[in-house]
């Protein structure tokens, strides 16, 4: 499962989304919305209302004389009910 759901995204935008019970994760490119929903529900023991995915196109990069592509990634934004929450960072 750790290879399917890579890690949570912690950016300024994703922390603002946490206030409205939306959490962002980097996921495997080959997963679809139903698979993401079932994996995260079993992993975090929450009910998921909706799953939105973002799969941007590859970007061309140049490394000195060589050309290549930046690695592909997929983001999943999940929405959960207001009565539930996911602890991404441990409280100290």
C-alpha atoms as a PDB file:
ATOM      1  CA  UNK A   1       0.000   0.000   0.000  1.00  0.00           C
ATOM      2  CA  UNK A   2       2.888   2.379   0.645  1.00  0.00           C
ATOM      3  CA  UNK A   3       3.796   2.296  -3.046  1.00  0.00           C
ATOM      4  CA  UNK A   4       0.230   3.144  -4.078  1.00  0.00           C
ATOM      5  CA  UNK A   5      -0.314   6.121  -1.770  1.00  0.00           C
ATOM      6  CA  UNK A   6       3.074   7.823  -1.734  1.00  0.00           C
ATOM      7  CA  UNK A   7       2.763  10.666   0.793  1.00  0.00           C
ATOM      8  CA  UNK A   8       0.557  13.630   1.743  1.00  0.00           C
ATOM      9  CA  UNK A   9       1.154  16.980   0.071  1.00  0.00           C
ATOM     10  CA  UNK A  10       2.026  19.753   2.512  1.00  0.00           C
ATOM     11  CA  UNK A  11       1.930  23.061   0.666  1.00  0.00           C
ATOM     12  CA  UNK A  12       0.250  26.367   1.402  1.00  0.00           C
ATOM     13  CA  UNK A  13      -2.749  25.459  -0.750  1.00  0.00           C
ATOM     14  CA  UNK A  14      -3.128  21.973   0.749  1.00  0.00           C
ATOM     15  CA  UNK A  15      -3.003  23.316   4.316  1.00  0.00           C
ATOM     16  CA  UNK A  16      -5.809  25.740   3.440  1.00  0.00           C
ATOM     17  CA  UNK A  17      -7.809  22.824   2.039  1.00  0.00           C
ATOM     18  CA  UNK A  18      -7.384  20.916   5.326  1.00  0.00           C
ATOM     19  CA  UNK A  19      -9.529  23.585   7.015  1.00  0.00           C
ATOM     20  CA  UNK A  20     -12.407  22.546   4.732  1.00  0.00           C
ATOM     21  CA  UNK A  21     -11.748  18.808   5.352  1.00  0.00           C
ATOM     22  CA  UNK A  22      -9.983  18.211   2.049  1.00  0.00           C
ATOM     23  CA  UNK A  23      -6.674  16.335   2.077  1.00  0.00           C
ATOM     24  CA  UNK A  24      -4.145  16.055  -0.741  1.00  0.00           C
ATOM     25  CA  UNK A  25      -1.956  13.014  -1.478  1.00  0.00           C
ATOM     26  CA  UNK A  26       0.542  12.011  -4.149  1.00  0.00           C
ATOM     27  CA  UNK A  27      -0.631   8.659  -5.510  1.00  0.00           C
ATOM     28  CA  UNK A  28       0.473   6.093  -8.069  1.00  0.00           C
ATOM     29  CA  UNK A  29      -0.308   7.189 -11.632  1.00  0.00           C
ATOM     30  CA  UNK A  30      -2.116   3.950 -12.483  1.00  0.00           C
ATOM     31  CA  UNK A  31      -4.740   4.211  -9.703  1.00  0.00           C
ATOM     32  CA  UNK A  32      -8.256   5.359 -10.508  1.00  0.00           C
ATOM     33  CA  UNK A  33     -10.651   7.231  -8.209  1.00  0.00           C
ATOM     34  CA  UNK A  34     -12.434   4.128  -6.908  1.00  0.00           C
ATOM     35  CA  UNK A  35      -9.149   2.449  -5.992  1.00  0.00           C
ATOM     36  CA  UNK A  36      -7.845   5.600  -4.282  1.00  0.00           C
ATOM     37  CA  UNK A  37     -11.072   5.874  -2.289  1.00  0.00           C
ATOM     38  CA  UNK A  38     -11.013   2.259  -1.089  1.00  0.00           C
ATOM     39  CA  UNK A  39      -7.307   2.354  -0.158  1.00  0.00           C
ATOM     40  CA  UNK A  40      -7.573   5.605   1.812  1.00  0.00           C
ATOM     41  CA  UNK A  41     -10.785   4.505   3.564  1.00  0.00           C
ATOM     42  CA  UNK A  42      -9.109   1.320   4.770  1.00  0.00           C
ATOM     43  CA  UNK A  43      -5.842   3.074   5.641  1.00  0.00           C
ATOM     44  CA  UNK A  44      -7.259   6.014   7.650  1.00  0.00           C
ATOM     45  CA  UNK A  45     -10.644   4.511   8.723  1.00  0.00           C
ATOM     46  CA  UNK A  46     -12.701   7.465   7.424  1.00  0.00           C
ATOM     47  CA  UNK A  47     -15.639   7.861   5.038  1.00  0.00           C
ATOM     48  CA  UNK A  48     -14.696   9.690   1.854  1.00  0.00           C
ATOM     49  CA  UNK A  49     -17.301  11.902   0.189  1.00  0.00           C
ATOM     50  CA  UNK A  50     -15.432  12.641  -3.045  1.00  0.00           C
ATOM     51  CA  UNK A  51     -12.104  12.132  -4.803  1.00  0.00           C
ATOM     52  CA  UNK A  52     -10.666  14.626  -7.299  1.00  0.00           C
ATOM     53  CA  UNK A  53      -7.515  13.744  -9.219  1.00  0.00           C
ATOM     54  CA  UNK A  54      -4.981  15.881 -11.043  1.00  0.00           C
ATOM     55  CA  UNK A  55      -2.606  14.290 -13.554  1.00  0.00           C
ATOM     56  CA  UNK A  56      -0.542  17.030 -15.275  1.00  0.00           C
ATOM     57  CA  UNK A  57       1.264  16.448 -18.586  1.00  0.00           C
ATOM     58  CA  UNK A  58       4.981  15.630 -18.666  1.00  0.00           C
ATOM     59  CA  UNK A  59       7.373  18.593 -18.775  1.00  0.00           C
ATOM     60  CA  UNK A  60      10.472  18.581 -20.927  1.00  0.00           C
ATOM     61  CA  UNK A  61      13.693  19.306 -19.018  1.00  0.00           C
ATOM     62  CA  UNK A  62      17.215  19.848 -20.257  1.00  0.00           C
ATOM     63  CA  UNK A  63      20.203  18.490 -18.340  1.00  0.00           C
ATOM     64  CA  UNK A  64      23.272  20.217 -19.859  1.00  0.00           C
ATOM     65  CA  UNK A  65      23.491  18.580 -23.303  1.00  0.00           C
ATOM     66  CA  UNK A  66      20.825  15.942 -22.647  1.00  0.00           C
ATOM     67  CA  UNK A  67      17.079  16.348 -22.906  1.00  0.00           C
ATOM     68  CA  UNK A  68      14.638  14.387 -20.839  1.00  0.00           C
ATOM     69  CA  UNK A  69      11.292  14.565 -19.112  1.00  0.00           C
ATOM     70  CA  UNK A  70      10.374  15.367 -15.547  1.00  0.00           C
ATOM     71  CA  UNK A  71       8.807  12.421 -13.743  1.00  0.00           C
ATOM     72  CA  UNK A  72       5.036  12.148 -13.950  1.00  0.00           C
ATOM     73  CA  UNK A  73       2.913  12.399 -10.825  1.00  0.00           C
ATOM     74  CA  UNK A  74      -0.727  12.282  -9.823  1.00  0.00           C
ATOM     75  CA  UNK A  75      -2.414  14.183  -6.996  1.00  0.00           C
ATOM     76  CA  UNK A  76      -5.613  13.105  -5.313  1.00  0.00           C
ATOM     77  CA  UNK A  77      -7.709  15.542  -3.279  1.00  0.00           C
ATOM     78  CA  UNK A  78     -10.155  13.752  -1.008  1.00  0.00           C
ATOM     79  CA  UNK A  79     -13.058  15.268   0.899  1.00  0.00           C
ATOM     80  CA  UNK A  80     -14.285  13.792   4.176  1.00  0.00           C
ATOM     81  CA  UNK A  81     -17.239  14.696   6.429  1.00  0.00           C
ATOM     82  CA  UNK A  82     -16.744  17.546   8.945  1.00  0.00           C
ATOM     83  CA  UNK A  83     -17.168  15.140  11.867  1.00  0.00           C
ATOM     84  CA  UNK A  84     -14.046  13.165  10.861  1.00  0.00           C
ATOM     85  CA  UNK A  85     -10.393  14.103  10.445  1.00  0.00           C
ATOM     86  CA  UNK A  86      -7.067  12.630   9.374  1.00  0.00           C
ATOM     87  CA  UNK A  87      -3.924  13.266  11.394  1.00  0.00           C
ATOM     88  CA  UNK A  88      -1.158  13.799   8.868  1.00  0.00           C
ATOM     89  CA  UNK A  89       1.358  15.369  11.231  1.00  0.00           C
ATOM     90  CA  UNK A  90       1.745  14.031  14.775  1.00  0.00           C
ATOM     91  CA  UNK A  91       0.965  16.521  17.536  1.00  0.00           C
ATOM     92  CA  UNK A  92       3.851  17.270  19.889  1.00  0.00           C
END
